[in-house]
Amino acid sequence: MQERTLELIRNDLKIITSNKLNTSQSKLLLIGITYEILLRKDLFPKNSDLKKFVQVVFIEPMEDVKPFKDYLFVSRTLLSSRISKIILSKFNYNNVMKTVDKLYTILPQQNNDNKHSVINTEQSMNEWVEFLRGNED
């Protein structure tokens, strides 16, 4: 199966915020999008790159979730399973919306304008790498 573009993922995030889904549907769609993002090697070349992303997007906003132990970052599917469990059991509608907003702002953008796409894509990927390295607050 071919990977979906980041633009399609961003469109799915818009569906969650459009108020067309109830809370459970929003949670389920967020779980699917999260799983897809975590498995992407183009966004996270190494499993260790996932640590800051998971910390910022899923752990810091939730007060009662402790930081994950290192063994979870050895397997992307294990990490995805733990995050899915947290979304299902601890997230309310507001948590879902905050997480979607955070994902929407930190995911790199793809621009379809041909003459600016190389520059914008490169700039977006540079911002993404800066985020992964921890240079962006």
C-alpha atoms as a PDB file:
ATOM      1  CA  MET A   1       0.000   0.000   0.000  1.00  0.00           C
ATOM      2  CA  GLN A   2       1.277   3.433  -0.916  1.00  0.00           C
ATOM      3  CA  GLU A   3       1.770   6.063   1.792  1.00  0.00           C
ATOM      4  CA  ARG A   4      -0.757   8.846   1.869  1.00  0.00           C
ATOM      5  CA  THR A   5       0.459  12.389   1.425  1.00  0.00           C
ATOM      6  CA  LEU A   6       0.762  14.712   4.380  1.00  0.00           C
ATOM      7  CA  GLU A   7      -1.932  16.862   2.798  1.00  0.00           C
ATOM      8  CA  LEU A   8      -4.429  13.986   3.011  1.00  0.00           C
ATOM      9  CA  ILE A   9      -3.519  13.467   6.652  1.00  0.00           C
ATOM     10  CA  ARG A  10      -4.023  17.178   7.311  1.00  0.00           C
ATOM     11  CA  ASN A  11      -7.426  16.964   5.596  1.00  0.00           C
ATOM     12  CA  ASP A  12      -8.401  14.124   7.943  1.00  0.00           C
ATOM     13  CA  LEU A  13      -7.396  16.300  10.885  1.00  0.00           C
ATOM     14  CA  LYS A  14      -9.745  18.987   9.538  1.00  0.00           C
ATOM     15  CA  ILE A  15     -12.586  16.449   9.541  1.00  0.00           C
ATOM     16  CA  ILE A  16     -12.108  15.906  13.269  1.00  0.00           C
ATOM     17  CA  THR A  17     -12.320  19.632  13.988  1.00  0.00           C
ATOM     18  CA  SER A  18     -15.307  20.171  11.694  1.00  0.00           C
ATOM     19  CA  ASN A  19     -17.858  19.051  14.339  1.00  0.00           C
ATOM     20  CA  LYS A  20     -19.246  16.400  11.982  1.00  0.00           C
ATOM     21  CA  LEU A  21     -18.121  13.558  14.250  1.00  0.00           C
ATOM     22  CA  ASN A  22     -19.110  12.669  17.785  1.00  0.00           C
ATOM     23  CA  THR A  23     -16.491  12.176  20.495  1.00  0.00           C
ATOM     24  CA  SER A  24     -15.977   8.439  19.923  1.00  0.00           C
ATOM     25  CA  GLN A  25     -15.682   8.869  16.164  1.00  0.00           C
ATOM     26  CA  SER A  26     -13.181  11.692  16.683  1.00  0.00           C
ATOM     27  CA  LYS A  27     -11.114   9.511  19.021  1.00  0.00           C
ATOM     28  CA  LEU A  28     -11.102   6.613  16.561  1.00  0.00           C
ATOM     29  CA  LEU A  29     -10.063   8.806  13.637  1.00  0.00           C
ATOM     30  CA  LEU A  30      -7.340  10.399  15.788  1.00  0.00           C
ATOM     31  CA  ILE A  31      -6.051   6.930  16.724  1.00  0.00           C
ATOM     32  CA  GLY A  32      -5.834   5.978  13.047  1.00  0.00           C
ATOM     33  CA  ILE A  33      -4.084   9.196  12.069  1.00  0.00           C
ATOM     34  CA  THR A  34      -1.685   8.878  15.005  1.00  0.00           C
ATOM     35  CA  TYR A  35      -0.852   5.305  14.050  1.00  0.00           C
ATOM     36  CA  GLU A  36      -0.210   6.363  10.466  1.00  0.00           C
ATOM     37  CA  ILE A  37       2.047   9.244  11.549  1.00  0.00           C
ATOM     38  CA  LEU A  38       4.047   7.104  13.985  1.00  0.00           C
ATOM     39  CA  LEU A  39       4.747   4.467  11.335  1.00  0.00           C
ATOM     40  CA  ARG A  40       6.062   6.935   8.759  1.00  0.00           C
ATOM     41  CA  LYS A  41       9.805   6.605   8.267  1.00  0.00           C
ATOM     42  CA  ASP A  42       9.955   9.838   6.254  1.00  0.00           C
ATOM     43  CA  LEU A  43       8.807  11.832   9.296  1.00  0.00           C
ATOM     44  CA  PHE A  44      10.671   9.794  11.908  1.00  0.00           C
ATOM     45  CA  PRO A  45      13.682   8.039  10.358  1.00  0.00           C
ATOM     46  CA  LYS A  46      14.729   6.567  13.712  1.00  0.00           C
ATOM     47  CA  ASN A  47      12.523   5.363  16.537  1.00  0.00           C
ATOM     48  CA  SER A  48      14.412   7.657  18.900  1.00  0.00           C
ATOM     49  CA  ASP A  49      13.063  10.616  16.893  1.00  0.00           C
ATOM     50  CA  LEU A  50       9.607   9.764  18.219  1.00  0.00           C
ATOM     51  CA  LYS A  51      10.422  10.632  21.852  1.00  0.00           C
ATOM     52  CA  LYS A  52      10.072  14.401  21.644  1.00  0.00           C
ATOM     53  CA  PHE A  53       7.038  14.164  19.359  1.00  0.00           C
ATOM     54  CA  VAL A  54       5.201  11.835  21.749  1.00  0.00           C
ATOM     55  CA  GLN A  55       6.215  13.928  24.751  1.00  0.00           C
ATOM     56  CA  VAL A  56       4.964  17.199  23.265  1.00  0.00           C
ATOM     57  CA  VAL A  57       1.796  15.916  21.600  1.00  0.00           C
ATOM     58  CA  PHE A  58       0.485  13.221  23.946  1.00  0.00           C
ATOM     59  CA  ILE A  59       2.160  13.308  27.363  1.00  0.00           C
ATOM     60  CA  GLU A  60       2.581  16.991  28.285  1.00  0.00           C
ATOM     61  CA  PRO A  61      -1.081  17.946  27.656  1.00  0.00           C
ATOM     62  CA  MET A  62      -2.312  15.130  29.931  1.00  0.00           C
ATOM     63  CA  GLU A  63      -1.519  15.693  33.600  1.00  0.00           C
ATOM     64  CA  ASP A  64      -2.062  12.103  34.726  1.00  0.00           C
ATOM     65  CA  VAL A  65       0.063  10.412  32.029  1.00  0.00           C
ATOM     66  CA  LYS A  66       3.619   9.605  33.055  1.00  0.00           C
ATOM     67  CA  PRO A  67       6.474   9.775  30.534  1.00  0.00           C
ATOM     68  CA  PHE A  68       6.935   6.543  28.619  1.00  0.00           C
ATOM     69  CA  LYS A  69       9.779   4.187  29.402  1.00  0.00           C
ATOM     70  CA  ASP A  70      12.452   3.657  26.765  1.00  0.00           C
ATOM     71  CA  TYR A  71      11.344   0.121  25.872  1.00  0.00           C
ATOM     72  CA  LEU A  72       8.193   1.525  24.251  1.00  0.00           C
ATOM     73  CA  PHE A  73      10.278   3.381  21.680  1.00  0.00           C
ATOM     74  CA  VAL A  74      11.925   0.172  20.463  1.00  0.00           C
ATOM     75  CA  SER A  75       8.740  -0.828  18.629  1.00  0.00           C
ATOM     76  CA  ARG A  76       6.548   1.631  16.759  1.00  0.00           C
ATOM     77  CA  THR A  77       3.565  -0.694  16.970  1.00  0.00           C
ATOM     78  CA  LEU A  78       3.962  -1.070  20.732  1.00  0.00           C
ATOM     79  CA  LEU A  79       4.225   2.701  21.101  1.00  0.00           C
ATOM     80  CA  SER A  80       1.161   3.195  18.905  1.00  0.00           C
ATOM     81  CA  SER A  81      -0.774   0.710  20.996  1.00  0.00           C
ATOM     82  CA  ARG A  82       0.046   2.558  24.218  1.00  0.00           C
ATOM     83  CA  ILE A  83      -0.924   5.914  22.718  1.00  0.00           C
ATOM     84  CA  SER A  84      -4.167   4.420  21.378  1.00  0.00           C
ATOM     85  CA  LYS A  85      -5.007   3.145  24.848  1.00  0.00           C
ATOM     86  CA  ILE A  86      -4.442   6.613  26.319  1.00  0.00           C
ATOM     87  CA  ILE A  87      -6.602   8.268  23.654  1.00  0.00           C
ATOM     88  CA  LEU A  88      -9.429   5.775  24.210  1.00  0.00           C
ATOM     89  CA  SER A  89      -9.383   5.756  27.988  1.00  0.00           C
ATOM     90  CA  LYS A  90      -8.213   9.216  29.074  1.00  0.00           C
ATOM     91  CA  PHE A  91      -8.972  11.682  26.292  1.00  0.00           C
ATOM     92  CA  ASN A  92     -12.118  13.759  26.330  1.00  0.00           C
ATOM     93  CA  TYR A  93     -13.373  15.893  23.448  1.00  0.00           C
ATOM     94  CA  ASN A  94     -11.220  18.882  24.449  1.00  0.00           C
ATOM     95  CA  ASN A  95      -8.084  16.713  24.605  1.00  0.00           C
ATOM     96  CA  VAL A  96      -8.838  15.382  21.129  1.00  0.00           C
ATOM     97  CA  MET A  97      -9.250  18.915  19.745  1.00  0.00           C
ATOM     98  CA  LYS A  98      -6.045  20.166  21.395  1.00  0.00           C
ATOM     99  CA  THR A  99      -4.102  17.185  20.078  1.00  0.00           C
ATOM    100  CA  VAL A 100      -5.475  17.665  16.561  1.00  0.00           C
ATOM    101  CA  ASP A 101      -4.551  21.367  16.649  1.00  0.00           C
ATOM    102  CA  LYS A 102      -1.047  20.511  17.842  1.00  0.00           C
ATOM    103  CA  LEU A 103      -0.620  17.857  15.132  1.00  0.00           C
ATOM    104  CA  TYR A 104      -1.896  20.251  12.491  1.00  0.00           C
ATOM    105  CA  THR A 105       0.599  22.934  13.470  1.00  0.00           C
ATOM    106  CA  ILE A 106       3.688  20.723  13.768  1.00  0.00           C
ATOM    107  CA  LEU A 107       3.221  18.451  10.758  1.00  0.00           C
ATOM    108  CA  PRO A 108       5.241  19.686   7.782  1.00  0.00           C
ATOM    109  CA  GLN A 109       3.170  21.190   4.994  1.00  0.00           C
ATOM    110  CA  GLN A 110       3.201  20.113   1.381  1.00  0.00           C
ATOM    111  CA  ASN A 111       2.670  22.885  -1.120  1.00  0.00           C
ATOM    112  CA  ASN A 112       1.300  22.150  -4.593  1.00  0.00           C
ATOM    113  CA  ASP A 113       2.489  25.397  -6.187  1.00  0.00           C
ATOM    114  CA  ASN A 114       5.247  24.210  -8.549  1.00  0.00           C
ATOM    115  CA  LYS A 115       7.590  27.197  -8.508  1.00  0.00           C
ATOM    116  CA  HIS A 116       7.522  27.540  -4.732  1.00  0.00           C
ATOM    117  CA  SER A 117       7.024  23.897  -3.778  1.00  0.00           C
ATOM    118  CA  VAL A 118      10.710  23.008  -3.570  1.00  0.00           C
ATOM    119  CA  ILE A 119      11.478  25.992  -1.349  1.00  0.00           C
ATOM    120  CA  ASN A 120       8.371  25.544   0.822  1.00  0.00           C
ATOM    121  CA  THR A 121       8.824  21.788   1.156  1.00  0.00           C
ATOM    122  CA  GLU A 122      12.478  22.228   2.065  1.00  0.00           C
ATOM    123  CA  GLN A 123      11.630  24.941   4.595  1.00  0.00           C
ATOM    124  CA  SER A 124       8.857  22.812   6.059  1.00  0.00           C
ATOM    125  CA  MET A 125      11.135  19.793   6.362  1.00  0.00           C
ATOM    126  CA  ASN A 126      13.830  21.968   7.970  1.00  0.00           C
ATOM    127  CA  GLU A 127      11.266  23.122  10.543  1.00  0.00           C
ATOM    128  CA  TRP A 128      10.332  19.487  11.142  1.00  0.00           C
ATOM    129  CA  VAL A 129      13.970  18.484  11.697  1.00  0.00           C
ATOM    130  CA  GLU A 130      14.412  21.431  14.081  1.00  0.00           C
ATOM    131  CA  PHE A 131      11.361  20.230  16.027  1.00  0.00           C
ATOM    132  CA  LEU A 132      12.756  16.703  16.235  1.00  0.00           C
ATOM    133  CA  ARG A 133      16.112  17.949  17.450  1.00  0.00           C
ATOM    134  CA  GLY A 134      14.448  20.076  20.103  1.00  0.00           C
ATOM    135  CA  ASN A 135      15.520  23.458  18.776  1.00  0.00           C
ATOM    136  CA  GLU A 136      11.962  24.735  18.393  1.00  0.00           C
ATOM    137  CA  ASP A 137       9.785  25.654  21.371  1.00  0.00           C
END
